Amino acid sequence: MGMNALARELKRGSTELLILALLEERDCHGYELAQQIDARSRGEISFHAASLYPTLYRMEGKDLIEGRWVEKPGQRRRRYYRLTKAGTRMLASQRSVWDTFFGALDRVARIRPA
């Protein structure tokens, strides 16, 4: 597997975790989520906002997040997402899985998470 393929797989495997973690802090719309991921990862992880929407819709269908339409004067209508109780439980579970995985990587390959 080449480096680009590995990076794509890691990104794909962490998308839900990233979204849940940001929504744990506050409600956001899709474009804002994409901006936050890019900014916090210092550009190492980025998504086009449009590519996040299928994941957001799927997560909403699994009751991990809840969306609501918000209209503000002078702005277009946006769908804001918030974490549900099921999403909070899933976030805790995913954090545990990633923590265990990073620990194993460190033990085998001396790769420490940031």
C-alpha atoms as a PDB file:
ATOM      1  CA  MET A   1       0.000   0.000   0.000  1.00  0.00           C
ATOM      2  CA  GLY A   2       1.452   3.359  -1.025  1.00  0.00           C
ATOM      3  CA  MET A   3       1.619   6.348   1.287  1.00  0.00           C
ATOM      4  CA  ASN A   4      -1.293   8.115  -0.419  1.00  0.00           C
ATOM      5  CA  ALA A   5      -3.492   5.021  -0.151  1.00  0.00           C
ATOM      6  CA  LEU A   6      -2.582   4.614   3.518  1.00  0.00           C
ATOM      7  CA  ALA A   7      -3.381   8.276   4.198  1.00  0.00           C
ATOM      8  CA  ARG A   8      -6.773   7.903   2.442  1.00  0.00           C
ATOM      9  CA  GLU A   9      -7.625   4.808   4.484  1.00  0.00           C
ATOM     10  CA  LEU A  10      -6.673   6.494   7.764  1.00  0.00           C
ATOM     11  CA  LYS A  11      -8.732   9.542   6.819  1.00  0.00           C
ATOM     12  CA  ARG A  12     -11.722   7.387   5.870  1.00  0.00           C
ATOM     13  CA  GLY A  13     -11.446   5.403   9.095  1.00  0.00           C
ATOM     14  CA  SER A  14     -11.315   8.486  11.301  1.00  0.00           C
ATOM     15  CA  THR A  15     -13.996  10.682   9.711  1.00  0.00           C
ATOM     16  CA  GLU A  16     -16.772   9.783  12.173  1.00  0.00           C
ATOM     17  CA  LEU A  17     -14.438  10.217  15.140  1.00  0.00           C
ATOM     18  CA  LEU A  18     -13.414  13.680  13.947  1.00  0.00           C
ATOM     19  CA  ILE A  19     -17.013  14.772  13.419  1.00  0.00           C
ATOM     20  CA  LEU A  20     -18.207  13.401  16.764  1.00  0.00           C
ATOM     21  CA  ALA A  21     -15.309  15.033  18.627  1.00  0.00           C
ATOM     22  CA  LEU A  22     -16.036  18.460  17.132  1.00  0.00           C
ATOM     23  CA  LEU A  23     -19.763  18.166  17.775  1.00  0.00           C
ATOM     24  CA  GLU A  24     -19.029  17.252  21.379  1.00  0.00           C
ATOM     25  CA  GLU A  25     -17.818  20.850  21.777  1.00  0.00           C
ATOM     26  CA  ARG A  26     -20.638  22.639  19.951  1.00  0.00           C
ATOM     27  CA  ASP A  27     -23.205  22.424  17.182  1.00  0.00           C
ATOM     28  CA  CYS A  28     -21.749  22.994  13.690  1.00  0.00           C
ATOM     29  CA  HIS A  29     -22.800  22.936  10.052  1.00  0.00           C
ATOM     30  CA  GLY A  30     -20.972  20.836   7.463  1.00  0.00           C
ATOM     31  CA  TYR A  31     -18.781  23.574   6.025  1.00  0.00           C
ATOM     32  CA  GLU A  32     -17.732  24.620   9.518  1.00  0.00           C
ATOM     33  CA  LEU A  33     -16.829  21.013  10.390  1.00  0.00           C
ATOM     34  CA  ALA A  34     -14.594  20.813   7.308  1.00  0.00           C
ATOM     35  CA  GLN A  35     -12.921  24.114   8.258  1.00  0.00           C
ATOM     36  CA  GLN A  36     -12.346  23.011  11.854  1.00  0.00           C
ATOM     37  CA  ILE A  37     -10.805  19.680  10.818  1.00  0.00           C
ATOM     38  CA  ASP A  38      -8.468  21.444   8.402  1.00  0.00           C
ATOM     39  CA  ALA A  39      -7.487  24.134  10.914  1.00  0.00           C
ATOM     40  CA  ARG A  40      -6.949  21.852  13.901  1.00  0.00           C
ATOM     41  CA  SER A  41      -4.952  19.318  11.896  1.00  0.00           C
ATOM     42  CA  ARG A  42      -2.858  22.177  10.466  1.00  0.00           C
ATOM     43  CA  GLY A  43      -3.915  21.126   6.985  1.00  0.00           C
ATOM     44  CA  GLU A  44      -2.861  17.485   7.358  1.00  0.00           C
ATOM     45  CA  ILE A  45      -6.481  16.293   7.241  1.00  0.00           C
ATOM     46  CA  SER A  46      -8.899  18.075   4.962  1.00  0.00           C
ATOM     47  CA  PHE A  47     -12.300  17.402   3.482  1.00  0.00           C
ATOM     48  CA  HIS A  48     -14.317  19.224   0.892  1.00  0.00           C
ATOM     49  CA  ALA A  49     -17.498  20.145   2.738  1.00  0.00           C
ATOM     50  CA  ALA A  50     -19.562  18.378   0.069  1.00  0.00           C
ATOM     51  CA  SER A  51     -17.720  15.116   0.710  1.00  0.00           C
ATOM     52  CA  LEU A  52     -18.682  15.243   4.398  1.00  0.00           C
ATOM     53  CA  TYR A  53     -22.421  15.362   3.779  1.00  0.00           C
ATOM     54  CA  PRO A  54     -22.899  11.671   2.911  1.00  0.00           C
ATOM     55  CA  THR A  55     -21.139  10.806   6.185  1.00  0.00           C
ATOM     56  CA  LEU A  56     -23.254  13.323   8.107  1.00  0.00           C
ATOM     57  CA  TYR A  57     -26.462  11.896   6.606  1.00  0.00           C
ATOM     58  CA  ARG A  58     -25.346   8.340   7.414  1.00  0.00           C
ATOM     59  CA  MET A  59     -24.471   9.333  10.993  1.00  0.00           C
ATOM     60  CA  GLU A  60     -27.836  11.045  11.331  1.00  0.00           C
ATOM     61  CA  GLY A  61     -29.528   7.859  10.111  1.00  0.00           C
ATOM     62  CA  LYS A  62     -27.689   5.908  12.837  1.00  0.00           C
ATOM     63  CA  ASP A  63     -28.888   8.459  15.447  1.00  0.00           C
ATOM     64  CA  LEU A  64     -25.311   9.499  16.286  1.00  0.00           C
ATOM     65  CA  ILE A  65     -26.042  13.109  15.391  1.00  0.00           C
ATOM     66  CA  GLU A  66     -29.142  15.198  14.907  1.00  0.00           C
ATOM     67  CA  GLY A  67     -29.530  17.887  12.264  1.00  0.00           C
ATOM     68  CA  ARG A  68     -31.754  20.940  12.219  1.00  0.00           C
ATOM     69  CA  TRP A  69     -32.188  23.682   9.660  1.00  0.00           C
ATOM     70  CA  VAL A  70     -31.342  27.207  10.811  1.00  0.00           C
ATOM     71  CA  GLU A  71     -32.102  30.400   8.929  1.00  0.00           C
ATOM     72  CA  LYS A  72     -30.353  33.637   9.854  1.00  0.00           C
ATOM     73  CA  PRO A  73     -31.100  37.035   8.334  1.00  0.00           C
ATOM     74  CA  GLY A  74     -28.863  37.763   5.368  1.00  0.00           C
ATOM     75  CA  GLN A  75     -27.513  34.198   5.248  1.00  0.00           C
ATOM     76  CA  ARG A  76     -28.601  31.095   3.463  1.00  0.00           C
ATOM     77  CA  ARG A  77     -30.245  28.282   5.357  1.00  0.00           C
ATOM     78  CA  ARG A  78     -27.774  25.857   6.976  1.00  0.00           C
ATOM     79  CA  ARG A  79     -28.138  22.480   8.598  1.00  0.00           C
ATOM     80  CA  TYR A  80     -26.557  22.437  12.053  1.00  0.00           C
ATOM     81  CA  TYR A  81     -25.651  19.148  13.649  1.00  0.00           C
ATOM     82  CA  ARG A  82     -25.437  18.195  17.294  1.00  0.00           C
ATOM     83  CA  LEU A  83     -24.291  15.101  19.126  1.00  0.00           C
ATOM     84  CA  THR A  84     -26.943  12.716  20.451  1.00  0.00           C
ATOM     85  CA  LYS A  85     -26.618  10.452  23.487  1.00  0.00           C
ATOM     86  CA  ALA A  86     -25.851   7.548  21.149  1.00  0.00           C
ATOM     87  CA  GLY A  87     -23.207   9.727  19.484  1.00  0.00           C
ATOM     88  CA  THR A  88     -21.629  10.483  22.851  1.00  0.00           C
ATOM     89  CA  ARG A  89     -21.409   6.759  23.596  1.00  0.00           C
ATOM     90  CA  MET A  90     -19.970   6.050  20.138  1.00  0.00           C
ATOM     91  CA  LEU A  91     -17.377   8.803  20.594  1.00  0.00           C
ATOM     92  CA  ALA A  92     -16.220   7.269  23.886  1.00  0.00           C
ATOM     93  CA  SER A  93     -16.021   3.848  22.237  1.00  0.00           C
ATOM     94  CA  GLN A  94     -14.078   5.121  19.220  1.00  0.00           C
ATOM     95  CA  ARG A  95     -11.662   7.032  21.439  1.00  0.00           C
ATOM     96  CA  SER A  96     -10.988   3.828  23.356  1.00  0.00           C
ATOM     97  CA  VAL A  97     -10.370   1.872  20.147  1.00  0.00           C
ATOM     98  CA  TRP A  98      -7.997   4.520  18.771  1.00  0.00           C
ATOM     99  CA  ASP A  99      -6.193   4.799  22.115  1.00  0.00           C
ATOM    100  CA  THR A 100      -5.644   1.036  22.173  1.00  0.00           C
ATOM    101  CA  PHE A 101      -4.522   1.064  18.536  1.00  0.00           C
ATOM    102  CA  PHE A 102      -2.030   3.910  19.096  1.00  0.00           C
ATOM    103  CA  GLY A 103      -0.668   2.097  22.155  1.00  0.00           C
ATOM    104  CA  ALA A 104      -0.118  -1.026  20.069  1.00  0.00           C
ATOM    105  CA  LEU A 105       1.562   0.983  17.284  1.00  0.00           C
ATOM    106  CA  ASP A 106       3.889   2.535  19.828  1.00  0.00           C
ATOM    107  CA  ARG A 107       4.806  -0.831  21.336  1.00  0.00           C
ATOM    108  CA  VAL A 108       5.552  -2.356  17.931  1.00  0.00           C
ATOM    109  CA  ALA A 109       6.899   0.529  15.847  1.00  0.00           C
ATOM    110  CA  ARG A 110       7.665   3.209  18.455  1.00  0.00           C
ATOM    111  CA  ILE A 111       5.021   5.545  17.017  1.00  0.00           C
ATOM    112  CA  ARG A 112       3.693   7.851  19.665  1.00  0.00           C
ATOM    113  CA  PRO A 113       0.447   9.765  19.114  1.00  0.00           C
ATOM    114  CA  ALA A 114       0.685  13.534  19.379  1.00  0.00           C
END
